[in-house]
Amino acid sequence: MLKGIDPILTPELLMHLCAMGHGEWVAVVDANFTADYLAHGKPVVRLPGLSLKRVSDAVLSVFPLATDVAQPAALMHVCHSDAAHRTEAQQAVIGLVNKAGFQSNQVETVERYAFYEKIKDASLIVQTGEGTAYGNAMFCKGVILL
C-alpha cells in the first residue's frame, strides 16, 4: 500500500502508467472487450469486478489528460444509436473528464470498428469488470511538470 494512492491501482498497473510518456493512450475497457486479441503484445491489466467509472477515476487520479490534444478522451459509440446517445457508464466517464477540467466536447465518440483500430495506438489496455455494453474509453496522457 502507498499513502494517497487509490488502492485499486495495482503495482503492475502503476508500473505501466508510470512508464507511459506524454501523448500515449491507455484504454479502459469492459469485461466483454476482446482485449487479448487486440492487444497485439501490449500489456493487458485486469481489474475484474470493477466498473468503468471506478477504474477510470483511479487511473485519472495519477494520469493527467493531455492539453495539447483536441480530444484527449474517447468513448466507443453505441451502434445504431443517435450520435448524442451515451450510456450511463459513458456519462460517468464524461463526468470524470469534466472533473479533470476538460469540456464534454473534448471526449471523442468513435465508431465501434474505428475504436478497435484506435486501440492499436494504445500503450496499455486495462480490462474492467464493466458489464454494460460499450463500456470502453481511452485517455491520452499529458505532460507532468515537476
N, C-alpha and C. Protein backbone atom coordinates (compact mmCIF):
# COMPACT_ATOMS: atom_id res chain seq x y z
N MET A 1 0.85 -1.19 0.00
CA MET A 1 0.00 0.00 0.00
C MET A 1 0.89 1.25 0.00
N LEU A 2 0.40 2.25 -0.64
CA LEU A 2 1.06 3.54 -0.64
C LEU A 2 0.07 4.60 -0.17
N LYS A 3 0.55 5.54 0.54
CA LYS A 3 -0.29 6.62 1.04
C LYS A 3 -0.72 7.51 -0.13
N GLY A 4 -2.01 7.81 -0.18
CA GLY A 4 -2.52 8.72 -1.20
C GLY A 4 -2.76 8.10 -2.57
N ILE A 5 -2.48 6.82 -2.72
CA ILE A 5 -2.69 6.13 -4.00
C ILE A 5 -3.94 5.29 -3.89
N ASP A 6 -4.82 5.39 -4.88
CA ASP A 6 -6.05 4.60 -4.89
C ASP A 6 -5.68 3.12 -4.79
N PRO A 7 -6.27 2.39 -3.84
CA PRO A 7 -5.87 1.00 -3.61
C PRO A 7 -6.17 0.05 -4.77
N ILE A 8 -7.00 0.44 -5.74
CA ILE A 8 -7.21 -0.47 -6.87
C ILE A 8 -6.11 -0.35 -7.91
N LEU A 9 -5.25 0.65 -7.78
CA LEU A 9 -4.12 0.78 -8.69
C LEU A 9 -3.04 -0.20 -8.25
N THR A 10 -3.03 -1.34 -8.90
CA THR A 10 -2.10 -2.41 -8.55
C THR A 10 -0.67 -2.01 -8.90
N PRO A 11 0.32 -2.66 -8.29
CA PRO A 11 1.71 -2.36 -8.66
C PRO A 11 1.96 -2.51 -10.16
N GLU A 12 1.38 -3.54 -10.77
CA GLU A 12 1.55 -3.75 -12.21
C GLU A 12 0.97 -2.58 -13.01
N LEU A 13 -0.23 -2.15 -12.65
CA LEU A 13 -0.87 -1.06 -13.36
C LEU A 13 -0.10 0.24 -13.17
N LEU A 14 0.32 0.53 -11.95
CA LEU A 14 1.11 1.74 -11.69
C LEU A 14 2.40 1.73 -12.49
N MET A 15 3.05 0.57 -12.59
CA MET A 15 4.29 0.47 -13.36
C MET A 15 4.07 0.87 -14.82
N HIS A 16 3.00 0.33 -15.42
CA HIS A 16 2.72 0.62 -16.82
C HIS A 16 2.31 2.08 -17.03
N LEU A 17 1.48 2.61 -16.15
CA LEU A 17 1.07 4.01 -16.27
C LEU A 17 2.26 4.95 -16.12
N CYS A 18 3.13 4.63 -15.19
CA CYS A 18 4.31 5.46 -14.94
C CYS A 18 5.27 5.43 -16.13
N ALA A 19 5.38 4.28 -16.78
CA ALA A 19 6.30 4.13 -17.91
C ALA A 19 5.81 4.84 -19.16
N MET A 20 4.54 5.16 -19.22
CA MET A 20 3.99 5.84 -20.39
C MET A 20 4.46 7.29 -20.45
N GLY A 21 4.75 7.75 -21.65
CA GLY A 21 5.12 9.14 -21.86
C GLY A 21 3.92 9.95 -22.33
N HIS A 22 4.11 11.27 -22.39
CA HIS A 22 3.00 12.12 -22.84
C HIS A 22 2.66 11.79 -24.29
N GLY A 23 1.38 11.85 -24.57
CA GLY A 23 0.90 11.52 -25.92
C GLY A 23 0.55 10.06 -26.11
N GLU A 24 0.84 9.23 -25.12
CA GLU A 24 0.47 7.81 -25.21
C GLU A 24 -0.94 7.62 -24.67
N TRP A 25 -1.61 6.59 -25.18
CA TRP A 25 -3.01 6.32 -24.83
C TRP A 25 -3.12 5.06 -23.97
N VAL A 26 -4.04 5.12 -23.01
CA VAL A 26 -4.42 3.95 -22.23
C VAL A 26 -5.90 3.68 -22.55
N ALA A 27 -6.23 2.42 -22.75
CA ALA A 27 -7.62 2.02 -22.98
C ALA A 27 -8.15 1.37 -21.71
N VAL A 28 -9.32 1.78 -21.29
CA VAL A 28 -10.01 1.18 -20.14
C VAL A 28 -11.28 0.56 -20.73
N VAL A 29 -11.33 -0.77 -20.74
CA VAL A 29 -12.37 -1.46 -21.50
C VAL A 29 -13.23 -2.36 -20.61
N ASP A 30 -14.38 -2.74 -21.17
CA ASP A 30 -15.32 -3.55 -20.41
C ASP A 30 -14.95 -5.03 -20.39
N ALA A 31 -15.72 -5.80 -19.62
CA ALA A 31 -15.42 -7.22 -19.41
C ALA A 31 -15.56 -8.04 -20.69
N ASN A 32 -16.36 -7.58 -21.65
CA ASN A 32 -16.58 -8.32 -22.89
C ASN A 32 -15.63 -7.93 -24.01
N PHE A 33 -14.78 -6.95 -23.77
CA PHE A 33 -13.88 -6.47 -24.81
C PHE A 33 -12.84 -7.53 -25.17
N THR A 34 -12.52 -7.64 -26.44
CA THR A 34 -11.54 -8.63 -26.90
C THR A 34 -10.11 -8.10 -26.67
N ALA A 35 -9.77 -7.94 -25.40
CA ALA A 35 -8.52 -7.29 -25.01
C ALA A 35 -7.29 -8.06 -25.48
N ASP A 36 -7.22 -9.35 -25.23
CA ASP A 36 -6.03 -10.10 -25.62
C ASP A 36 -5.84 -10.11 -27.13
N TYR A 37 -6.91 -10.28 -27.86
CA TYR A 37 -6.83 -10.32 -29.32
C TYR A 37 -6.33 -8.99 -29.89
N LEU A 38 -6.85 -7.89 -29.36
CA LEU A 38 -6.49 -6.57 -29.88
C LEU A 38 -5.23 -5.98 -29.27
N ALA A 39 -4.71 -6.62 -28.23
CA ALA A 39 -3.52 -6.08 -27.57
C ALA A 39 -2.27 -6.21 -28.44
N HIS A 40 -2.18 -7.26 -29.23
CA HIS A 40 -1.01 -7.48 -30.09
C HIS A 40 0.30 -7.32 -29.33
N GLY A 41 0.37 -7.96 -28.16
CA GLY A 41 1.59 -7.94 -27.37
C GLY A 41 1.69 -6.82 -26.35
N LYS A 42 0.77 -5.87 -26.39
CA LYS A 42 0.78 -4.81 -25.39
C LYS A 42 0.31 -5.38 -24.07
N PRO A 43 0.68 -4.75 -22.96
CA PRO A 43 0.20 -5.25 -21.68
C PRO A 43 -1.31 -5.09 -21.51
N VAL A 44 -1.89 -6.11 -20.90
CA VAL A 44 -3.30 -6.08 -20.51
C VAL A 44 -3.33 -6.30 -19.00
N VAL A 45 -3.88 -5.34 -18.28
CA VAL A 45 -4.03 -5.45 -16.82
C VAL A 45 -5.51 -5.63 -16.55
N ARG A 46 -5.85 -6.65 -15.76
CA ARG A 46 -7.26 -6.93 -15.48
C ARG A 46 -7.62 -6.50 -14.06
N LEU A 47 -8.75 -5.82 -13.97
CA LEU A 47 -9.31 -5.41 -12.69
C LEU A 47 -10.76 -5.88 -12.66
N PRO A 48 -10.98 -7.19 -12.53
CA PRO A 48 -12.34 -7.73 -12.59
C PRO A 48 -13.18 -7.24 -11.42
N GLY A 49 -14.48 -7.14 -11.69
CA GLY A 49 -15.41 -6.75 -10.63
C GLY A 49 -15.52 -5.25 -10.42
N LEU A 50 -14.75 -4.47 -11.17
CA LEU A 50 -14.79 -3.02 -11.00
C LEU A 50 -15.39 -2.37 -12.25
N SER A 51 -16.12 -1.30 -12.04
CA SER A 51 -16.80 -0.61 -13.14
C SER A 51 -15.85 0.26 -13.95
N LEU A 52 -16.31 0.63 -15.13
CA LEU A 52 -15.57 1.56 -15.98
C LEU A 52 -15.32 2.87 -15.23
N LYS A 53 -16.35 3.37 -14.56
CA LYS A 53 -16.21 4.63 -13.83
C LYS A 53 -15.16 4.50 -12.73
N ARG A 54 -15.23 3.45 -11.95
CA ARG A 54 -14.31 3.28 -10.81
C ARG A 54 -12.86 3.20 -11.29
N VAL A 55 -12.61 2.41 -12.32
CA VAL A 55 -11.25 2.24 -12.82
C VAL A 55 -10.77 3.53 -13.49
N SER A 56 -11.63 4.16 -14.29
CA SER A 56 -11.24 5.41 -14.94
C SER A 56 -10.91 6.49 -13.91
N ASP A 57 -11.69 6.55 -12.84
CA ASP A 57 -11.44 7.52 -11.78
C ASP A 57 -10.07 7.27 -11.14
N ALA A 58 -9.76 6.02 -10.87
CA ALA A 58 -8.47 5.68 -10.27
C ALA A 58 -7.32 6.02 -11.22
N VAL A 59 -7.45 5.65 -12.49
CA VAL A 59 -6.40 5.95 -13.48
C VAL A 59 -6.20 7.46 -13.58
N LEU A 60 -7.30 8.21 -13.69
CA LEU A 60 -7.18 9.66 -13.84
C LEU A 60 -6.69 10.35 -12.58
N SER A 61 -6.66 9.64 -11.45
CA SER A 61 -6.11 10.24 -10.22
C SER A 61 -4.59 10.37 -10.28
N VAL A 62 -3.95 9.62 -11.18
CA VAL A 62 -2.49 9.67 -11.30
C VAL A 62 -2.04 9.98 -12.73
N PHE A 63 -2.97 10.19 -13.61
CA PHE A 63 -2.72 10.27 -15.04
C PHE A 63 -3.34 11.56 -15.58
N PRO A 64 -2.53 12.58 -15.86
CA PRO A 64 -3.10 13.82 -16.38
C PRO A 64 -3.52 13.66 -17.84
N LEU A 65 -4.65 14.24 -18.20
CA LEU A 65 -5.06 14.22 -19.60
C LEU A 65 -4.24 15.25 -20.38
N ALA A 66 -3.97 14.92 -21.62
CA ALA A 66 -3.18 15.80 -22.49
C ALA A 66 -3.93 17.10 -22.78
N THR A 67 -3.22 18.20 -22.68
CA THR A 67 -3.82 19.51 -23.00
C THR A 67 -3.50 19.93 -24.43
N ASP A 68 -2.58 19.24 -25.08
CA ASP A 68 -2.19 19.59 -26.45
C ASP A 68 -2.90 18.73 -27.50
N VAL A 69 -3.92 18.00 -27.07
CA VAL A 69 -4.72 17.16 -27.95
C VAL A 69 -6.16 17.67 -27.87
N ALA A 70 -6.79 17.86 -29.00
CA ALA A 70 -8.15 18.42 -29.01
C ALA A 70 -9.13 17.57 -28.22
N GLN A 71 -9.01 16.26 -28.34
CA GLN A 71 -9.90 15.33 -27.64
C GLN A 71 -9.05 14.25 -26.96
N PRO A 72 -8.62 14.51 -25.71
CA PRO A 72 -7.75 13.57 -25.02
C PRO A 72 -8.48 12.37 -24.40
N ALA A 73 -9.77 12.27 -24.65
CA ALA A 73 -10.54 11.12 -24.18
C ALA A 73 -11.45 10.66 -25.30
N ALA A 74 -11.73 9.35 -25.31
CA ALA A 74 -12.58 8.79 -26.36
C ALA A 74 -13.48 7.71 -25.78
N LEU A 75 -14.66 7.58 -26.36
CA LEU A 75 -15.62 6.55 -25.99
C LEU A 75 -16.03 5.79 -27.25
N MET A 76 -16.42 4.52 -27.08
CA MET A 76 -16.95 3.76 -28.21
C MET A 76 -18.41 4.12 -28.41
N HIS A 77 -18.75 4.53 -29.63
CA HIS A 77 -20.12 4.89 -29.97
C HIS A 77 -21.02 3.66 -29.93
N VAL A 78 -22.20 3.83 -29.38
CA VAL A 78 -23.18 2.75 -29.32
C VAL A 78 -23.76 2.57 -30.72
N CYS A 79 -23.55 1.40 -31.32
CA CYS A 79 -24.03 1.11 -32.67
C CYS A 79 -25.53 1.34 -32.79
N HIS A 80 -25.93 1.82 -33.96
CA HIS A 80 -27.35 2.01 -34.30
C HIS A 80 -28.06 2.95 -33.33
N SER A 81 -27.34 3.94 -32.83
CA SER A 81 -27.96 4.91 -31.92
C SER A 81 -27.64 6.32 -32.40
N ASP A 82 -28.37 7.26 -31.89
CA ASP A 82 -28.15 8.66 -32.18
C ASP A 82 -26.73 9.05 -31.78
N ALA A 83 -26.14 9.97 -32.52
CA ALA A 83 -24.76 10.39 -32.26
C ALA A 83 -24.58 10.94 -30.85
N ALA A 84 -25.62 11.52 -30.27
CA ALA A 84 -25.52 12.11 -28.94
C ALA A 84 -25.82 11.11 -27.81
N HIS A 85 -26.22 9.90 -28.16
CA HIS A 85 -26.57 8.92 -27.13
C HIS A 85 -25.33 8.50 -26.32
N ARG A 86 -25.49 8.42 -24.99
CA ARG A 86 -24.43 7.95 -24.09
C ARG A 86 -25.06 6.98 -23.10
N THR A 87 -24.34 5.91 -22.82
CA THR A 87 -24.80 5.00 -21.78
C THR A 87 -24.51 5.63 -20.43
N GLU A 88 -25.04 5.05 -19.39
CA GLU A 88 -24.76 5.55 -18.04
C GLU A 88 -23.27 5.50 -17.73
N ALA A 89 -22.62 4.42 -18.13
CA ALA A 89 -21.17 4.29 -17.90
C ALA A 89 -20.40 5.35 -18.67
N GLN A 90 -20.82 5.63 -19.90
CA GLN A 90 -20.16 6.66 -20.70
C GLN A 90 -20.38 8.05 -20.10
N GLN A 91 -21.58 8.31 -19.62
CA GLN A 91 -21.86 9.60 -18.98
C GLN A 91 -20.98 9.78 -17.75
N ALA A 92 -20.73 8.68 -17.03
CA ALA A 92 -19.86 8.75 -15.86
C ALA A 92 -18.43 9.13 -16.25
N VAL A 93 -17.95 8.58 -17.35
CA VAL A 93 -16.60 8.91 -17.84
C VAL A 93 -16.54 10.39 -18.24
N ILE A 94 -17.56 10.86 -18.93
CA ILE A 94 -17.59 12.28 -19.31
C ILE A 94 -17.56 13.15 -18.05
N GLY A 95 -18.26 12.74 -17.01
CA GLY A 95 -18.23 13.46 -15.75
C GLY A 95 -16.83 13.52 -15.16
N LEU A 96 -16.08 12.43 -15.26
CA LEU A 96 -14.70 12.40 -14.76
C LEU A 96 -13.80 13.31 -15.58
N VAL A 97 -14.00 13.34 -16.88
CA VAL A 97 -13.21 14.22 -17.75
C VAL A 97 -13.54 15.69 -17.40
N ASN A 98 -14.81 15.98 -17.16
CA ASN A 98 -15.20 17.33 -16.73
C ASN A 98 -14.54 17.68 -15.40
N LYS A 99 -14.54 16.71 -14.46
CA LYS A 99 -13.92 16.91 -13.14
C LYS A 99 -12.42 17.22 -13.27
N ALA A 100 -11.81 16.68 -14.33
CA ALA A 100 -10.38 16.92 -14.57
C ALA A 100 -10.13 18.26 -15.26
N GLY A 101 -11.20 19.03 -15.49
CA GLY A 101 -11.05 20.37 -16.05
C GLY A 101 -11.23 20.45 -17.56
N PHE A 102 -11.78 19.43 -18.17
CA PHE A 102 -11.99 19.41 -19.61
C PHE A 102 -13.48 19.50 -19.93
N GLN A 103 -13.78 19.90 -21.14
CA GLN A 103 -15.16 20.04 -21.59
C GLN A 103 -15.68 18.72 -22.18
N SER A 104 -16.97 18.55 -22.17
CA SER A 104 -17.60 17.35 -22.72
C SER A 104 -17.26 17.16 -24.19
N ASN A 105 -17.10 18.26 -24.94
CA ASN A 105 -16.77 18.13 -26.36
C ASN A 105 -15.32 17.71 -26.59
N GLN A 106 -14.56 17.56 -25.53
CA GLN A 106 -13.19 17.06 -25.64
C GLN A 106 -13.14 15.54 -25.49
N VAL A 107 -14.31 14.93 -25.43
CA VAL A 107 -14.43 13.47 -25.42
C VAL A 107 -14.94 13.05 -26.79
N GLU A 108 -14.10 12.37 -27.53
CA GLU A 108 -14.45 11.91 -28.87
C GLU A 108 -15.32 10.66 -28.80
N THR A 109 -16.31 10.58 -29.67
CA THR A 109 -17.11 9.37 -29.80
C THR A 109 -16.65 8.67 -31.06
N VAL A 110 -16.20 7.43 -30.91
CA VAL A 110 -15.58 6.70 -32.01
C VAL A 110 -16.43 5.48 -32.38
N GLU A 111 -16.73 5.34 -33.66
CA GLU A 111 -17.47 4.19 -34.16
C GLU A 111 -16.77 2.90 -33.72
N ARG A 112 -17.54 1.87 -33.47
CA ARG A 112 -17.03 0.62 -32.89
C ARG A 112 -15.77 0.09 -33.58
N TYR A 113 -15.80 -0.10 -34.89
CA TYR A 113 -14.64 -0.68 -35.58
C TYR A 113 -13.48 0.30 -35.67
N ALA A 114 -13.78 1.58 -35.72
CA ALA A 114 -12.74 2.59 -35.66
C ALA A 114 -12.09 2.61 -34.27
N PHE A 115 -12.89 2.35 -33.25
CA PHE A 115 -12.36 2.25 -31.88
C PHE A 115 -11.36 1.09 -31.80
N TYR A 116 -11.70 -0.05 -32.41
CA TYR A 116 -10.78 -1.19 -32.43
C TYR A 116 -9.46 -0.80 -33.11
N GLU A 117 -9.55 0.01 -34.16
CA GLU A 117 -8.33 0.49 -34.82
C GLU A 117 -7.56 1.43 -33.91
N LYS A 118 -8.28 2.28 -33.19
CA LYS A 118 -7.64 3.24 -32.29
C LYS A 118 -6.90 2.52 -31.15
N ILE A 119 -7.40 1.36 -30.78
CA ILE A 119 -6.75 0.56 -29.73
C ILE A 119 -5.31 0.22 -30.12
N LYS A 120 -5.05 0.12 -31.41
CA LYS A 120 -3.69 -0.18 -31.87
C LYS A 120 -2.71 0.89 -31.42
N ASP A 121 -3.19 2.11 -31.18
CA ASP A 121 -2.33 3.21 -30.71
C ASP A 121 -2.18 3.24 -29.20
N ALA A 122 -2.93 2.40 -28.51
CA ALA A 122 -2.83 2.38 -27.04
C ALA A 122 -1.56 1.66 -26.60
N SER A 123 -0.96 2.15 -25.55
CA SER A 123 0.22 1.51 -24.98
C SER A 123 -0.15 0.46 -23.95
N LEU A 124 -1.36 0.55 -23.44
CA LEU A 124 -1.81 -0.29 -22.34
C LEU A 124 -3.32 -0.47 -22.43
N ILE A 125 -3.79 -1.68 -22.12
CA ILE A 125 -5.22 -1.95 -22.03
C ILE A 125 -5.52 -2.39 -20.60
N VAL A 126 -6.48 -1.73 -19.99
CA VAL A 126 -6.94 -2.10 -18.64
C VAL A 126 -8.35 -2.65 -18.81
N GLN A 127 -8.52 -3.93 -18.50
CA GLN A 127 -9.84 -4.55 -18.64
C GLN A 127 -10.54 -4.58 -17.30
N THR A 128 -11.71 -3.95 -17.27
CA THR A 128 -12.50 -3.85 -16.05
C THR A 128 -13.52 -4.98 -15.99
N GLY A 129 -14.35 -4.93 -14.99
CA GLY A 129 -15.46 -5.86 -14.88
C GLY A 129 -16.76 -5.24 -15.35
N GLU A 130 -16.68 -4.10 -16.04
CA GLU A 130 -17.88 -3.41 -16.53
C GLU A 130 -18.71 -4.38 -17.35
N GLY A 131 -19.97 -4.53 -16.96
CA GLY A 131 -20.84 -5.48 -17.62
C GLY A 131 -21.77 -4.89 -18.65
N THR A 132 -21.83 -3.56 -18.74
CA THR A 132 -22.71 -2.96 -19.73
C THR A 132 -22.00 -2.88 -21.07
N ALA A 133 -22.76 -2.96 -22.13
CA ALA A 133 -22.19 -2.87 -23.47
C ALA A 133 -21.61 -1.48 -23.72
N TYR A 134 -20.59 -1.42 -24.54
CA TYR A 134 -19.93 -0.17 -24.94
C TYR A 134 -19.30 0.55 -23.76
N GLY A 135 -18.86 -0.18 -22.76
CA GLY A 135 -18.20 0.40 -21.60
C GLY A 135 -16.71 0.51 -21.82
N ASN A 136 -16.32 1.23 -22.88
CA ASN A 136 -14.92 1.33 -23.28
C ASN A 136 -14.53 2.79 -23.46
N ALA A 137 -13.35 3.14 -22.94
CA ALA A 137 -12.86 4.50 -23.04
C ALA A 137 -11.35 4.48 -23.28
N MET A 138 -10.84 5.59 -23.78
CA MET A 138 -9.41 5.76 -23.94
C MET A 138 -9.02 7.16 -23.45
N PHE A 139 -7.81 7.24 -22.90
CA PHE A 139 -7.31 8.50 -22.37
C PHE A 139 -5.88 8.75 -22.86
N CYS A 140 -5.59 9.99 -23.27
CA CYS A 140 -4.25 10.37 -23.73
C CYS A 140 -3.51 11.05 -22.59
N LYS A 141 -2.33 10.58 -22.31
CA LYS A 141 -1.54 11.11 -21.20
C LYS A 141 -0.92 12.45 -21.52
N GLY A 142 -1.03 13.36 -20.59
CA GLY A 142 -0.44 14.68 -20.73
C GLY A 142 0.92 14.76 -20.07
N VAL A 143 1.49 15.94 -20.09
CA VAL A 143 2.80 16.20 -19.50
C VAL A 143 2.63 16.44 -18.00
N ILE A 144 3.54 15.88 -17.24
CA ILE A 144 3.59 16.14 -15.80
C ILE A 144 4.77 17.09 -15.56
N LEU A 145 4.47 18.27 -15.07
CA LEU A 145 5.51 19.25 -14.78
C LEU A 145 5.93 19.11 -13.34
N LEU A 146 7.21 19.06 -13.12
CA LEU A 146 7.74 18.93 -11.76
C LEU A 146 8.19 20.26 -11.21
